[in-house]
């Protein structure tokens, strides 16, 4: 969440009425809410999404199967190279 470009992308998605769930295993929920007014999940949500956007190349994300987190026609898009 230190990268303000990611915060800008989240805000832009919300402008289009997207229901955004932010997963950041390294983030501090209190600090993120205080600094940006955003709520984060520090544990991977166990729900299906229409889209998953990987905005950082955390090593924590390398072994995760994000296709299991998307609906049947969902997409997974990475903004960063890992």
N, C-alpha and C. Protein backbone atom coordinates (compact mmCIF):
# COMPACT_ATOMS: atom_id res chain seq x y z
N UNK A 1 0.81 -1.20 0.00
CA UNK A 1 0.00 0.00 0.00
C UNK A 1 0.85 1.26 0.00
N UNK A 2 2.16 1.12 0.07
CA UNK A 2 3.03 2.30 0.06
C UNK A 2 3.03 2.95 -1.31
N UNK A 3 2.66 2.20 -2.32
CA UNK A 3 2.71 2.71 -3.69
C UNK A 3 1.42 3.46 -3.99
N UNK A 4 1.50 4.80 -4.04
CA UNK A 4 0.30 5.59 -4.23
C UNK A 4 -0.34 5.35 -5.60
N UNK A 5 0.41 4.84 -6.56
CA UNK A 5 -0.19 4.51 -7.86
C UNK A 5 -1.23 3.42 -7.71
N UNK A 6 -0.98 2.49 -6.82
CA UNK A 6 -1.94 1.42 -6.58
C UNK A 6 -3.20 1.99 -5.93
N UNK A 7 -3.01 2.90 -4.99
CA UNK A 7 -4.15 3.56 -4.36
C UNK A 7 -4.95 4.31 -5.42
N UNK A 8 -4.27 4.97 -6.35
CA UNK A 8 -4.97 5.66 -7.44
C UNK A 8 -5.78 4.69 -8.29
N UNK A 9 -5.23 3.53 -8.58
CA UNK A 9 -5.94 2.52 -9.37
C UNK A 9 -7.17 2.02 -8.63
N UNK A 10 -7.04 1.80 -7.33
CA UNK A 10 -8.18 1.37 -6.52
C UNK A 10 -9.28 2.41 -6.55
N UNK A 11 -8.89 3.67 -6.36
CA UNK A 11 -9.88 4.76 -6.37
C UNK A 11 -10.56 4.86 -7.74
N UNK A 12 -9.81 4.66 -8.80
CA UNK A 12 -10.39 4.71 -10.15
C UNK A 12 -11.39 3.58 -10.35
N UNK A 13 -11.07 2.38 -9.91
CA UNK A 13 -12.01 1.26 -10.00
C UNK A 13 -13.28 1.57 -9.23
N UNK A 14 -13.15 2.18 -8.06
CA UNK A 14 -14.32 2.52 -7.26
C UNK A 14 -15.19 3.58 -7.94
N UNK A 15 -14.57 4.45 -8.74
CA UNK A 15 -15.34 5.44 -9.50
C UNK A 15 -16.30 4.76 -10.47
N UNK A 16 -15.94 3.56 -10.90
CA UNK A 16 -16.79 2.78 -11.81
C UNK A 16 -17.70 1.82 -11.03
N UNK A 17 -17.88 2.09 -9.75
CA UNK A 17 -18.74 1.30 -8.87
C UNK A 17 -18.28 -0.15 -8.71
N UNK A 18 -16.99 -0.39 -8.90
CA UNK A 18 -16.45 -1.73 -8.67
C UNK A 18 -16.39 -1.98 -7.16
N UNK A 19 -16.77 -3.17 -6.77
CA UNK A 19 -16.64 -3.58 -5.37
C UNK A 19 -15.22 -4.14 -5.22
N UNK A 20 -14.34 -3.37 -4.62
CA UNK A 20 -12.92 -3.70 -4.56
C UNK A 20 -12.59 -4.29 -3.19
N UNK A 21 -11.96 -5.46 -3.20
CA UNK A 21 -11.45 -6.08 -1.98
C UNK A 21 -9.93 -6.04 -2.11
N UNK A 22 -9.27 -5.47 -1.14
CA UNK A 22 -7.82 -5.30 -1.18
C UNK A 22 -7.19 -6.35 -0.26
N UNK A 23 -6.34 -7.19 -0.84
CA UNK A 23 -5.62 -8.19 -0.07
C UNK A 23 -4.15 -7.80 -0.03
N UNK A 24 -3.65 -7.56 1.17
CA UNK A 24 -2.24 -7.23 1.35
C UNK A 24 -1.76 -7.92 2.62
N UNK A 25 -1.07 -9.07 2.45
CA UNK A 25 -0.64 -9.82 3.63
C UNK A 25 0.40 -9.08 4.48
N UNK A 26 1.01 -8.05 3.92
CA UNK A 26 2.03 -7.31 4.66
C UNK A 26 1.50 -6.00 5.22
N UNK A 27 0.31 -5.60 4.81
CA UNK A 27 -0.22 -4.30 5.21
C UNK A 27 -0.71 -4.27 6.65
N UNK A 28 -0.72 -3.09 7.22
CA UNK A 28 -1.27 -2.85 8.54
C UNK A 28 -2.64 -2.20 8.33
N UNK A 29 -3.73 -2.93 8.63
CA UNK A 29 -5.07 -2.39 8.35
C UNK A 29 -5.34 -1.02 8.97
N UNK A 30 -4.88 -0.81 10.19
CA UNK A 30 -5.10 0.49 10.84
C UNK A 30 -4.38 1.62 10.13
N UNK A 31 -3.13 1.38 9.77
CA UNK A 31 -2.35 2.41 9.09
C UNK A 31 -2.91 2.71 7.70
N UNK A 32 -3.31 1.67 6.98
CA UNK A 32 -3.85 1.86 5.64
C UNK A 32 -5.16 2.65 5.71
N UNK A 33 -6.00 2.32 6.67
CA UNK A 33 -7.26 3.03 6.80
C UNK A 33 -7.03 4.49 7.18
N UNK A 34 -6.11 4.72 8.10
CA UNK A 34 -5.80 6.08 8.53
C UNK A 34 -5.21 6.90 7.39
N UNK A 35 -4.27 6.31 6.66
CA UNK A 35 -3.56 7.03 5.59
C UNK A 35 -4.40 7.22 4.33
N UNK A 36 -5.16 6.19 3.93
CA UNK A 36 -5.84 6.22 2.64
C UNK A 36 -7.36 6.08 2.72
N UNK A 37 -7.89 5.77 3.91
CA UNK A 37 -9.33 5.57 4.05
C UNK A 37 -9.80 4.27 3.40
N UNK A 38 -8.89 3.32 3.23
CA UNK A 38 -9.21 2.03 2.61
C UNK A 38 -9.10 0.91 3.63
N UNK A 39 -9.94 -0.11 3.45
CA UNK A 39 -9.88 -1.29 4.30
C UNK A 39 -9.18 -2.40 3.53
N UNK A 40 -8.31 -3.14 4.22
CA UNK A 40 -7.59 -4.24 3.57
C UNK A 40 -7.84 -5.54 4.31
N UNK A 41 -7.65 -6.62 3.58
CA UNK A 41 -7.67 -7.98 4.13
C UNK A 41 -6.22 -8.45 4.22
N UNK A 42 -5.85 -9.01 5.35
CA UNK A 42 -4.49 -9.54 5.48
C UNK A 42 -4.47 -11.06 5.31
N UNK A 43 -5.63 -11.66 5.22
CA UNK A 43 -5.76 -13.09 4.90
C UNK A 43 -6.49 -13.19 3.57
N UNK A 44 -6.06 -14.13 2.75
CA UNK A 44 -6.65 -14.29 1.42
C UNK A 44 -8.15 -14.57 1.53
N UNK A 45 -8.99 -13.71 0.94
CA UNK A 45 -10.44 -13.95 0.99
C UNK A 45 -10.80 -15.24 0.26
N UNK A 46 -11.70 -15.99 0.85
CA UNK A 46 -12.11 -17.27 0.27
C UNK A 46 -13.44 -17.12 -0.47
N UNK A 47 -13.48 -16.18 -1.39
CA UNK A 47 -14.66 -15.93 -2.21
C UNK A 47 -14.22 -15.92 -3.67
N UNK A 48 -15.18 -15.96 -4.57
CA UNK A 48 -14.89 -15.91 -6.01
C UNK A 48 -15.13 -14.50 -6.52
N UNK A 49 -14.20 -14.00 -7.30
CA UNK A 49 -14.27 -12.64 -7.85
C UNK A 49 -14.45 -12.68 -9.36
N UNK A 50 -14.99 -11.60 -9.90
CA UNK A 50 -15.08 -11.45 -11.36
C UNK A 50 -13.69 -11.19 -11.94
N UNK A 51 -12.86 -10.52 -11.17
CA UNK A 51 -11.50 -10.21 -11.64
C UNK A 51 -10.56 -10.15 -10.44
N UNK A 52 -9.34 -10.56 -10.66
CA UNK A 52 -8.26 -10.43 -9.69
C UNK A 52 -7.16 -9.64 -10.38
N UNK A 53 -6.72 -8.57 -9.73
CA UNK A 53 -5.64 -7.74 -10.27
C UNK A 53 -4.46 -7.83 -9.31
N UNK A 54 -3.35 -8.34 -9.80
CA UNK A 54 -2.12 -8.41 -9.01
C UNK A 54 -1.34 -7.13 -9.28
N UNK A 55 -1.22 -6.30 -8.25
CA UNK A 55 -0.59 -5.00 -8.43
C UNK A 55 0.86 -4.96 -7.98
N UNK A 56 1.30 -5.96 -7.23
CA UNK A 56 2.69 -6.04 -6.79
C UNK A 56 3.18 -7.46 -6.95
N UNK A 57 4.48 -7.61 -7.04
CA UNK A 57 5.07 -8.94 -7.24
C UNK A 57 5.59 -9.50 -5.93
N UNK A 58 4.73 -9.54 -4.89
CA UNK A 58 5.13 -10.13 -3.61
C UNK A 58 5.51 -11.59 -3.80
N UNK A 59 6.55 -12.02 -3.14
CA UNK A 59 6.92 -13.44 -3.15
C UNK A 59 5.78 -14.29 -2.59
N UNK A 60 4.99 -13.70 -1.68
CA UNK A 60 3.86 -14.42 -1.08
C UNK A 60 2.84 -14.87 -2.13
N UNK A 61 2.81 -14.20 -3.26
CA UNK A 61 1.81 -14.49 -4.28
C UNK A 61 2.25 -15.56 -5.27
N UNK A 62 3.54 -15.91 -5.27
CA UNK A 62 4.08 -16.82 -6.28
C UNK A 62 3.40 -18.18 -6.34
N UNK A 63 3.10 -18.79 -5.22
CA UNK A 63 2.54 -20.13 -5.23
C UNK A 63 1.02 -20.18 -5.20
N UNK A 64 0.38 -19.01 -5.20
CA UNK A 64 -1.08 -18.99 -5.10
C UNK A 64 -1.73 -19.20 -6.45
N UNK A 65 -2.82 -19.95 -6.45
CA UNK A 65 -3.60 -20.18 -7.66
C UNK A 65 -4.76 -19.21 -7.68
N UNK A 66 -4.54 -18.04 -8.28
CA UNK A 66 -5.58 -17.02 -8.29
C UNK A 66 -6.73 -17.37 -9.23
N UNK A 67 -6.53 -18.33 -10.12
CA UNK A 67 -7.66 -18.76 -10.95
C UNK A 67 -8.72 -19.41 -10.08
N UNK A 68 -8.33 -19.95 -8.93
CA UNK A 68 -9.30 -20.53 -8.00
C UNK A 68 -10.10 -19.45 -7.29
N UNK A 69 -9.64 -18.20 -7.38
CA UNK A 69 -10.34 -17.08 -6.74
C UNK A 69 -11.27 -16.34 -7.69
N UNK A 70 -11.35 -16.81 -8.95
CA UNK A 70 -12.19 -16.10 -9.91
C UNK A 70 -13.42 -16.93 -10.30
N UNK A 71 -14.46 -16.22 -10.70
CA UNK A 71 -15.66 -16.86 -11.23
C UNK A 71 -15.29 -17.63 -12.49
N UNK A 72 -16.21 -18.41 -13.03
CA UNK A 72 -15.94 -19.22 -14.24
C UNK A 72 -15.38 -18.39 -15.40
N UNK A 73 -15.94 -17.22 -15.63
CA UNK A 73 -15.48 -16.37 -16.73
C UNK A 73 -14.61 -15.23 -16.22
N UNK A 74 -14.08 -15.36 -15.00
CA UNK A 74 -13.28 -14.30 -14.41
C UNK A 74 -11.91 -14.19 -15.04
N UNK A 75 -11.26 -13.08 -14.77
CA UNK A 75 -9.93 -12.84 -15.32
C UNK A 75 -8.95 -12.56 -14.18
N UNK A 76 -7.70 -12.88 -14.43
CA UNK A 76 -6.62 -12.56 -13.51
C UNK A 76 -5.59 -11.77 -14.30
N UNK A 77 -5.28 -10.57 -13.83
CA UNK A 77 -4.39 -9.69 -14.57
C UNK A 77 -3.28 -9.21 -13.64
N UNK A 78 -2.05 -9.28 -14.09
CA UNK A 78 -0.91 -8.82 -13.31
C UNK A 78 -0.39 -7.51 -13.87
N UNK A 79 -0.23 -6.52 -13.01
CA UNK A 79 0.32 -5.24 -13.41
C UNK A 79 1.84 -5.22 -13.34
N UNK A 80 2.41 -6.20 -12.65
CA UNK A 80 3.86 -6.27 -12.45
C UNK A 80 4.39 -7.61 -12.90
N UNK A 81 5.63 -7.63 -13.32
CA UNK A 81 6.31 -8.89 -13.63
C UNK A 81 6.80 -9.47 -12.33
N UNK A 82 6.72 -10.78 -12.18
CA UNK A 82 7.26 -11.41 -10.96
C UNK A 82 8.58 -12.04 -11.24
